[in-house]
Amino acid sequence: MQRLQQTYVHRGDRVRRNERIKKLLLVAGLAISVALIPHERPQSAEASSFTGFSFGSIAQSRHLRAELDATRGELELTRARLDRANTILNYSTKYKIDAQLAGEIYDVSQAEGVDADLGFRVVSVESEFNPHATSSVGAIGLTQLMPSTARFFDHAVTKEQLYDPNTNLRLGFRYLRSLITEYHGDLALALVVYNRGPETVETLRSLGVDPRNGYDASVMKGYSGTGLVN
């Protein structure tokens, strides 16, 4: 009886031991399986923060650069407008004319490639800034342009239109620029031709007579420019 009891005890111990072994093997198997599953290496908090900072900084830098470029463009435009206004005001004060007329002379001279300083001098000597001025020989307006000369540059222009300041300045300065170019930058000679006409000047020169009549000296007194702008 005692031997039988001992057999049951040993058998029970063996069964329990076997169950424990099975459980240990199951846990070990699960652990190994989990270990073998590939995992994406997590990005460190520092690296993630750095990457986010980099991309954010690039986007912000581009935005700030765009704003800076736009602001710089606005500043340059404002500076150009301010320079124009100051220049016109100075001419208006110097020649005692209203700012509107000074602005027209300045803007048209720049558009036609004539130095504004020379443009104001020519208008001052030719018409004393009177848009309705008409000479005894028929020269008209601010630049005292002959209708035949004006039509060389604008076939459709009428005599009446030459009393319009903008039209007169545009064609008068265009003619002046063409003369400066034709006479290879000889501003004095170009001004004499402008005042006396090409036929008269060429006739006098062919006879060995100096065609200058004081007009060029009157316009150019104290002037040292070339007469043209780029």
C-alpha atoms as a PDB file:
ATOM      1  CA  MET A   1       0.000   0.000   0.000  1.00  0.00           C
ATOM      2  CA  GLN A   2       2.782   2.390   0.927  1.00  0.00           C
ATOM      3  CA  ARG A   3       4.651   1.534  -2.292  1.00  0.00           C
ATOM      4  CA  LEU A   4       1.474   2.205  -4.322  1.00  0.00           C
ATOM      5  CA  GLN A   5       1.032   5.612  -2.658  1.00  0.00           C
ATOM      6  CA  GLN A   6       4.636   6.492  -3.447  1.00  0.00           C
ATOM      7  CA  THR A   7       4.025   5.518  -7.076  1.00  0.00           C
ATOM      8  CA  TYR A   8       1.018   7.890  -7.283  1.00  0.00           C
ATOM      9  CA  VAL A   9       3.016  10.664  -5.685  1.00  0.00           C
ATOM     10  CA  HIS A  10       5.897  10.308  -8.104  1.00  0.00           C
ATOM     11  CA  ARG A  11       3.506  10.068 -11.012  1.00  0.00           C
ATOM     12  CA  GLY A  12       1.795  13.296  -9.926  1.00  0.00           C
ATOM     13  CA  ASP A  13       5.115  15.043  -9.571  1.00  0.00           C
ATOM     14  CA  ARG A  14       6.109  13.972 -13.034  1.00  0.00           C
ATOM     15  CA  VAL A  15       2.865  15.180 -14.548  1.00  0.00           C
ATOM     16  CA  ARG A  16       3.173  18.597 -12.881  1.00  0.00           C
ATOM     17  CA  ARG A  17       6.813  18.831 -13.921  1.00  0.00           C
ATOM     18  CA  ASN A  18       5.917  18.017 -17.478  1.00  0.00           C
ATOM     19  CA  GLU A  19       3.192  20.729 -17.453  1.00  0.00           C
ATOM     20  CA  ARG A  20       5.682  23.292 -16.174  1.00  0.00           C
ATOM     21  CA  ILE A  21       8.143  22.337 -18.885  1.00  0.00           C
ATOM     22  CA  LYS A  22       5.446  22.681 -21.563  1.00  0.00           C
ATOM     23  CA  LYS A  23       4.543  26.145 -20.258  1.00  0.00           C
ATOM     24  CA  LEU A  24       8.173  27.217 -20.197  1.00  0.00           C
ATOM     25  CA  LEU A  25       8.696  25.965 -23.746  1.00  0.00           C
ATOM     26  CA  LEU A  26       5.543  27.823 -24.895  1.00  0.00           C
ATOM     27  CA  VAL A  27       6.665  31.084 -23.298  1.00  0.00           C
ATOM     28  CA  ALA A  28      10.151  30.686 -24.733  1.00  0.00           C
ATOM     29  CA  GLY A  29       8.720  30.004 -28.182  1.00  0.00           C
ATOM     30  CA  LEU A  30       6.558  33.098 -28.017  1.00  0.00           C
ATOM     31  CA  ALA A  31       9.483  35.183 -26.894  1.00  0.00           C
ATOM     32  CA  ILE A  32      11.630  33.933 -29.749  1.00  0.00           C
ATOM     33  CA  SER A  33       8.803  34.569 -32.251  1.00  0.00           C
ATOM     34  CA  VAL A  34       8.351  38.133 -31.060  1.00  0.00           C
ATOM     35  CA  ALA A  35      12.089  38.730 -31.225  1.00  0.00           C
ATOM     36  CA  LEU A  36      12.197  37.524 -34.820  1.00  0.00           C
ATOM     37  CA  ILE A  37       9.448  39.911 -36.025  1.00  0.00           C
ATOM     38  CA  PRO A  38      11.184  42.855 -37.924  1.00  0.00           C
ATOM     39  CA  HIS A  39      10.480  46.221 -36.368  1.00  0.00           C
ATOM     40  CA  GLU A  40      10.996  49.681 -37.966  1.00  0.00           C
ATOM     41  CA  ARG A  41      13.559  51.423 -35.910  1.00  0.00           C
ATOM     42  CA  PRO A  42      11.837  54.328 -34.174  1.00  0.00           C
ATOM     43  CA  GLN A  43      13.238  57.725 -34.915  1.00  0.00           C
ATOM     44  CA  SER A  44      14.653  59.374 -31.872  1.00  0.00           C
ATOM     45  CA  ALA A  45      12.820  62.369 -30.530  1.00  0.00           C
ATOM     46  CA  GLU A  46      15.884  64.502 -31.181  1.00  0.00           C
ATOM     47  CA  ALA A  47      16.169  63.385 -34.826  1.00  0.00           C
ATOM     48  CA  SER A  48      12.442  63.863 -35.386  1.00  0.00           C
ATOM     49  CA  SER A  49      12.605  67.315 -33.916  1.00  0.00           C
ATOM     50  CA  PHE A  50      15.623  68.198 -36.058  1.00  0.00           C
ATOM     51  CA  THR A  51      13.972  66.986 -39.277  1.00  0.00           C
ATOM     52  CA  GLY A  52      10.804  68.920 -38.525  1.00  0.00           C
ATOM     53  CA  PHE A  53      12.838  71.986 -37.733  1.00  0.00           C
ATOM     54  CA  SER A  54      14.805  71.706 -40.985  1.00  0.00           C
ATOM     55  CA  PHE A  55      11.790  71.428 -43.262  1.00  0.00           C
ATOM     56  CA  GLY A  56       9.957  74.120 -41.331  1.00  0.00           C
ATOM     57  CA  SER A  57      12.945  76.437 -41.518  1.00  0.00           C
ATOM     58  CA  ILE A  58      13.328  75.958 -45.277  1.00  0.00           C
ATOM     59  CA  ALA A  59       9.665  76.754 -45.903  1.00  0.00           C
ATOM     60  CA  GLN A  60       9.803  79.749 -43.599  1.00  0.00           C
ATOM     61  CA  SER A  61      13.014  81.006 -45.218  1.00  0.00           C
ATOM     62  CA  ARG A  62      11.465  80.821 -48.667  1.00  0.00           C
ATOM     63  CA  HIS A  63       8.406  82.689 -47.464  1.00  0.00           C
ATOM     64  CA  LEU A  64      10.514  85.382 -45.811  1.00  0.00           C
ATOM     65  CA  ARG A  65      12.711  85.687 -48.908  1.00  0.00           C
ATOM     66  CA  ALA A  66       9.626  86.154 -51.092  1.00  0.00           C
ATOM     67  CA  GLU A  67       8.356  88.848 -48.729  1.00  0.00           C
ATOM     68  CA  LEU A  68      11.784  90.490 -48.686  1.00  0.00           C
ATOM     69  CA  ASP A  69      11.985  90.551 -52.494  1.00  0.00           C
ATOM     70  CA  ALA A  70       8.476  92.003 -52.739  1.00  0.00           C
ATOM     71  CA  THR A  71       9.296  94.653 -50.128  1.00  0.00           C
ATOM     72  CA  ARG A  72      12.574  95.506 -51.869  1.00  0.00           C
ATOM     73  CA  GLY A  73      10.705  95.950 -55.151  1.00  0.00           C
ATOM     74  CA  GLU A  74       8.169  98.237 -53.478  1.00  0.00           C
ATOM     75  CA  LEU A  75      10.956 100.270 -51.874  1.00  0.00           C
ATOM     76  CA  GLU A  76      12.767 100.680 -55.190  1.00  0.00           C
ATOM     77  CA  LEU A  77       9.542 101.782 -56.863  1.00  0.00           C
ATOM     78  CA  THR A  78       8.826 104.223 -54.044  1.00  0.00           C
ATOM     79  CA  ARG A  79      12.384 105.560 -54.239  1.00  0.00           C
ATOM     80  CA  ALA A  80      12.065 106.048 -58.006  1.00  0.00           C
ATOM     81  CA  ARG A  81       8.769 107.887 -57.549  1.00  0.00           C
ATOM     82  CA  LEU A  82      10.276 110.062 -54.848  1.00  0.00           C
ATOM     83  CA  ASP A  83      13.312 110.880 -56.998  1.00  0.00           C
ATOM     84  CA  ARG A  84      11.023 111.777 -59.912  1.00  0.00           C
ATOM     85  CA  ALA A  85       8.858 114.004 -57.701  1.00  0.00           C
ATOM     86  CA  ASN A  86      11.891 115.795 -56.239  1.00  0.00           C
ATOM     87  CA  THR A  87      13.400 116.346 -59.685  1.00  0.00           C
ATOM     88  CA  ILE A  88      10.160 117.739 -61.089  1.00  0.00           C
ATOM     89  CA  LEU A  89       9.719 119.990 -58.070  1.00  0.00           C
ATOM     90  CA  ASN A  90      13.252 121.338 -58.535  1.00  0.00           C
ATOM     91  CA  TYR A  91      12.618 122.124 -62.213  1.00  0.00           C
ATOM     92  CA  SER A  92       9.261 123.662 -61.362  1.00  0.00           C
ATOM     93  CA  THR A  93      10.934 125.929 -58.822  1.00  0.00           C
ATOM     94  CA  LYS A  94      13.925 126.762 -61.041  1.00  0.00           C
ATOM     95  CA  TYR A  95      11.865 127.819 -64.059  1.00  0.00           C
ATOM     96  CA  LYS A  96       8.851 129.099 -62.096  1.00  0.00           C
ATOM     97  CA  ILE A  97       6.356 126.862 -63.912  1.00  0.00           C
ATOM     98  CA  ASP A  98       3.593 124.667 -62.549  1.00  0.00           C
ATOM     99  CA  ALA A  99       4.434 121.111 -61.536  1.00  0.00           C
ATOM    100  CA  GLN A 100       2.137 119.577 -64.154  1.00  0.00           C
ATOM    101  CA  LEU A 101       4.026 121.178 -67.044  1.00  0.00           C
ATOM    102  CA  ALA A 102       7.360 120.394 -65.416  1.00  0.00           C
ATOM    103  CA  GLY A 103       6.248 116.778 -65.059  1.00  0.00           C
ATOM    104  CA  GLU A 104       5.303 116.565 -68.743  1.00  0.00           C
ATOM    105  CA  ILE A 105       8.612 117.984 -69.906  1.00  0.00           C
ATOM    106  CA  TYR A 106      10.541 115.640 -67.635  1.00  0.00           C
ATOM    107  CA  ASP A 107       8.596 112.483 -68.525  1.00  0.00           C
ATOM    108  CA  VAL A 108       8.602 113.088 -72.288  1.00  0.00           C
ATOM    109  CA  SER A 109      12.310 113.945 -72.353  1.00  0.00           C
ATOM    110  CA  GLN A 110      13.089 110.684 -70.570  1.00  0.00           C
ATOM    111  CA  ALA A 111      10.845 108.704 -72.888  1.00  0.00           C
ATOM    112  CA  GLU A 112      12.520 110.219 -75.966  1.00  0.00           C
ATOM    113  CA  GLY A 113      16.050 109.752 -74.642  1.00  0.00           C
ATOM    114  CA  VAL A 114      16.830 113.448 -74.207  1.00  0.00           C
ATOM    115  CA  ASP A 115      18.551 114.692 -71.083  1.00  0.00           C
ATOM    116  CA  ALA A 116      15.852 116.439 -69.033  1.00  0.00           C
ATOM    117  CA  ASP A 117      18.182 119.327 -68.217  1.00  0.00           C
ATOM    118  CA  LEU A 118      18.696 119.992 -71.924  1.00  0.00           C
ATOM    119  CA  GLY A 119      14.988 119.562 -72.609  1.00  0.00           C
ATOM    120  CA  PHE A 120      14.043 122.246 -70.101  1.00  0.00           C
ATOM    121  CA  ARG A 121      16.704 124.577 -71.477  1.00  0.00           C
ATOM    122  CA  VAL A 122      15.409 124.208 -75.055  1.00  0.00           C
ATOM    123  CA  VAL A 123      11.785 124.809 -74.057  1.00  0.00           C
ATOM    124  CA  SER A 124      12.793 127.802 -71.953  1.00  0.00           C
ATOM    125  CA  VAL A 125      14.705 129.459 -74.813  1.00  0.00           C
ATOM    126  CA  GLU A 126      12.273 128.500 -77.570  1.00  0.00           C
ATOM    127  CA  SER A 127       8.899 129.378 -76.032  1.00  0.00           C
ATOM    128  CA  GLU A 128       9.434 130.437 -72.411  1.00  0.00           C
ATOM    129  CA  PHE A 129       7.156 127.488 -71.520  1.00  0.00           C
ATOM    130  CA  ASN A 130       4.184 128.877 -73.429  1.00  0.00           C
ATOM    131  CA  PRO A 131       2.330 125.979 -75.140  1.00  0.00           C
ATOM    132  CA  HIS A 132       0.429 128.458 -77.339  1.00  0.00           C
ATOM    133  CA  ALA A 133       3.509 130.252 -78.663  1.00  0.00           C
ATOM    134  CA  THR A 134       3.636 130.772 -82.434  1.00  0.00           C
ATOM    135  CA  SER A 135       6.573 132.340 -84.225  1.00  0.00           C
ATOM    136  CA  SER A 136       6.457 134.676 -87.242  1.00  0.00           C
ATOM    137  CA  VAL A 137       7.606 131.825 -89.495  1.00  0.00           C
ATOM    138  CA  GLY A 138       4.987 129.390 -88.177  1.00  0.00           C
ATOM    139  CA  ALA A 139       6.882 127.432 -85.518  1.00  0.00           C
ATOM    140  CA  ILE A 140       4.412 126.126 -82.940  1.00  0.00           C
ATOM    141  CA  GLY A 141       4.219 125.343 -79.253  1.00  0.00           C
ATOM    142  CA  LEU A 142       6.645 124.573 -76.463  1.00  0.00           C
ATOM    143  CA  THR A 143       9.496 123.381 -78.676  1.00  0.00           C
ATOM    144  CA  GLN A 144       8.659 125.749 -81.561  1.00  0.00           C
ATOM    145  CA  LEU A 145       8.300 122.951 -84.038  1.00  0.00           C
ATOM    146  CA  MET A 146       7.488 123.558 -87.680  1.00  0.00           C
ATOM    147  CA  PRO A 147       4.461 121.542 -88.886  1.00  0.00           C
ATOM    148  CA  SER A 148       6.469 120.142 -91.814  1.00  0.00           C
ATOM    149  CA  THR A 149       9.177 118.894 -89.437  1.00  0.00           C
ATOM    150  CA  ALA A 150       6.603 117.430 -87.074  1.00  0.00           C
ATOM    151  CA  ARG A 151       4.956 115.505 -89.913  1.00  0.00           C
ATOM    152  CA  PHE A 152       8.295 113.914 -90.755  1.00  0.00           C
ATOM    153  CA  PHE A 153       8.041 112.087 -87.434  1.00  0.00           C
ATOM    154  CA  ASP A 154       4.264 111.743 -87.345  1.00  0.00           C
ATOM    155  CA  HIS A 155       2.549 111.833 -90.753  1.00  0.00           C
ATOM    156  CA  ALA A 156      -0.909 112.268 -89.227  1.00  0.00           C
ATOM    157  CA  VAL A 157      -0.195 115.140 -86.840  1.00  0.00           C
ATOM    158  CA  THR A 158      -2.092 118.370 -87.437  1.00  0.00           C
ATOM    159  CA  LYS A 159      -1.165 121.971 -86.773  1.00  0.00           C
ATOM    160  CA  GLU A 160      -3.770 122.151 -84.014  1.00  0.00           C
ATOM    161  CA  GLN A 161      -2.343 119.065 -82.294  1.00  0.00           C
ATOM    162  CA  LEU A 162       1.046 120.723 -82.027  1.00  0.00           C
ATOM    163  CA  TYR A 163      -0.433 123.070 -79.443  1.00  0.00           C
ATOM    164  CA  ASP A 164      -0.956 120.066 -77.184  1.00  0.00           C
ATOM    165  CA  PRO A 165       2.027 120.050 -74.789  1.00  0.00           C
ATOM    166  CA  ASN A 166       2.539 116.289 -74.798  1.00  0.00           C
ATOM    167  CA  THR A 167       2.387 115.972 -78.595  1.00  0.00           C
ATOM    168  CA  ASN A 168       4.643 118.977 -79.142  1.00  0.00           C
ATOM    169  CA  LEU A 169       7.223 117.818 -76.603  1.00  0.00           C
ATOM    170  CA  ARG A 170       7.240 114.279 -77.948  1.00  0.00           C
ATOM    171  CA  LEU A 171       7.916 115.304 -81.545  1.00  0.00           C
ATOM    172  CA  GLY A 172      10.211 118.209 -80.656  1.00  0.00           C
ATOM    173  CA  PHE A 173      12.458 116.079 -78.446  1.00  0.00           C
ATOM    174  CA  ARG A 174      12.452 113.280 -80.982  1.00  0.00           C
ATOM    175  CA  TYR A 175      13.677 115.714 -83.611  1.00  0.00           C
ATOM    176  CA  LEU A 176      16.353 117.048 -81.261  1.00  0.00           C
ATOM    177  CA  ARG A 177      17.598 113.554 -80.473  1.00  0.00           C
ATOM    178  CA  SER A 178      17.785 112.673 -84.164  1.00  0.00           C
ATOM    179  CA  LEU A 179      19.946 115.754 -84.804  1.00  0.00           C
ATOM    180  CA  ILE A 180      22.345 114.949 -81.958  1.00  0.00           C
ATOM    181  CA  THR A 181      22.712 111.437 -83.365  1.00  0.00           C
ATOM    182  CA  GLU A 182      23.044 112.639 -86.956  1.00  0.00           C
ATOM    183  CA  TYR A 183      25.838 115.056 -86.028  1.00  0.00           C
ATOM    184  CA  HIS A 184      27.662 112.395 -84.028  1.00  0.00           C
ATOM    185  CA  GLY A 185      27.174 113.962 -80.626  1.00  0.00           C
ATOM    186  CA  ASP A 186      28.140 117.501 -81.661  1.00  0.00           C
ATOM    187  CA  LEU A 187      25.544 119.099 -79.431  1.00  0.00           C
ATOM    188  CA  ALA A 188      26.340 122.704 -80.345  1.00  0.00           C
ATOM    189  CA  LEU A 189      25.935 122.019 -84.049  1.00  0.00           C
ATOM    190  CA  ALA A 190      22.763 119.967 -83.484  1.00  0.00           C
ATOM    191  CA  LEU A 191      21.221 122.866 -81.563  1.00  0.00           C
ATOM    192  CA  VAL A 192      22.090 125.348 -84.308  1.00  0.00           C
ATOM    193  CA  VAL A 193      20.441 123.090 -86.883  1.00  0.00           C
ATOM    194  CA  TYR A 194      17.425 122.721 -84.593  1.00  0.00           C
ATOM    195  CA  ASN A 195      17.075 126.482 -84.394  1.00  0.00           C
ATOM    196  CA  ARG A 196      17.949 127.565 -87.952  1.00  0.00           C
ATOM    197  CA  GLY A 197      17.001 124.517 -89.988  1.00  0.00           C
ATOM    198  CA  PRO A 198      19.276 122.027 -91.774  1.00  0.00           C
ATOM    199  CA  GLU A 199      19.143 123.759 -95.167  1.00  0.00           C
ATOM    200  CA  THR A 200      20.292 127.115 -93.839  1.00  0.00           C
ATOM    201  CA  VAL A 201      23.083 125.597 -91.751  1.00  0.00           C
ATOM    202  CA  GLU A 202      24.386 123.397 -94.548  1.00  0.00           C
ATOM    203  CA  THR A 203      24.302 126.291 -97.033  1.00  0.00           C
ATOM    204  CA  LEU A 204      26.296 128.535 -94.706  1.00  0.00           C
ATOM    205  CA  ARG A 205      28.791 125.790 -93.924  1.00  0.00           C
ATOM    206  CA  SER A 206      29.281 125.087 -97.633  1.00  0.00           C
ATOM    207  CA  LEU A 207      30.156 128.767 -98.075  1.00  0.00           C
ATOM    208  CA  GLY A 208      32.634 128.621 -95.226  1.00  0.00           C
ATOM    209  CA  VAL A 209      30.430 130.716 -92.962  1.00  0.00           C
ATOM    210  CA  ASP A 210      29.995 129.865 -89.292  1.00  0.00           C
ATOM    211  CA  PRO A 211      26.255 129.155 -88.896  1.00  0.00           C
ATOM    212  CA  ARG A 212      26.208 129.757 -85.166  1.00  0.00           C
ATOM    213  CA  ASN A 213      23.984 132.627 -84.098  1.00  0.00           C
ATOM    214  CA  GLY A 214      24.286 132.467 -80.307  1.00  0.00           C
ATOM    215  CA  TYR A 215      21.395 130.042 -79.864  1.00  0.00           C
ATOM    216  CA  ASP A 216      23.580 127.092 -78.874  1.00  0.00           C
ATOM    217  CA  ALA A 217      25.503 129.232 -76.383  1.00  0.00           C
ATOM    218  CA  SER A 218      22.250 130.439 -74.832  1.00  0.00           C
ATOM    219  CA  VAL A 219      20.927 126.895 -74.408  1.00  0.00           C
ATOM    220  CA  MET A 220      24.181 125.343 -73.252  1.00  0.00           C
ATOM    221  CA  LYS A 221      25.318 128.008 -70.798  1.00  0.00           C
ATOM    222  CA  GLY A 222      26.527 126.073 -67.747  1.00  0.00           C
ATOM    223  CA  TYR A 223      25.564 122.741 -69.304  1.00  0.00           C
ATOM    224  CA  SER A 224      28.131 119.923 -69.500  1.00  0.00           C
ATOM    225  CA  GLY A 225      26.027 116.907 -70.513  1.00  0.00           C
ATOM    226  CA  THR A 226      25.914 115.045 -73.808  1.00  0.00           C
ATOM    227  CA  GLY A 227      22.263 115.889 -74.419  1.00  0.00           C
ATOM    228  CA  LEU A 228      21.153 112.243 -74.406  1.00  0.00           C
ATOM    229  CA  VAL A 229      20.259 109.582 -71.861  1.00  0.00           C
ATOM    230  CA  ASN A 230      20.434 105.842 -72.315  1.00  0.00           C
END
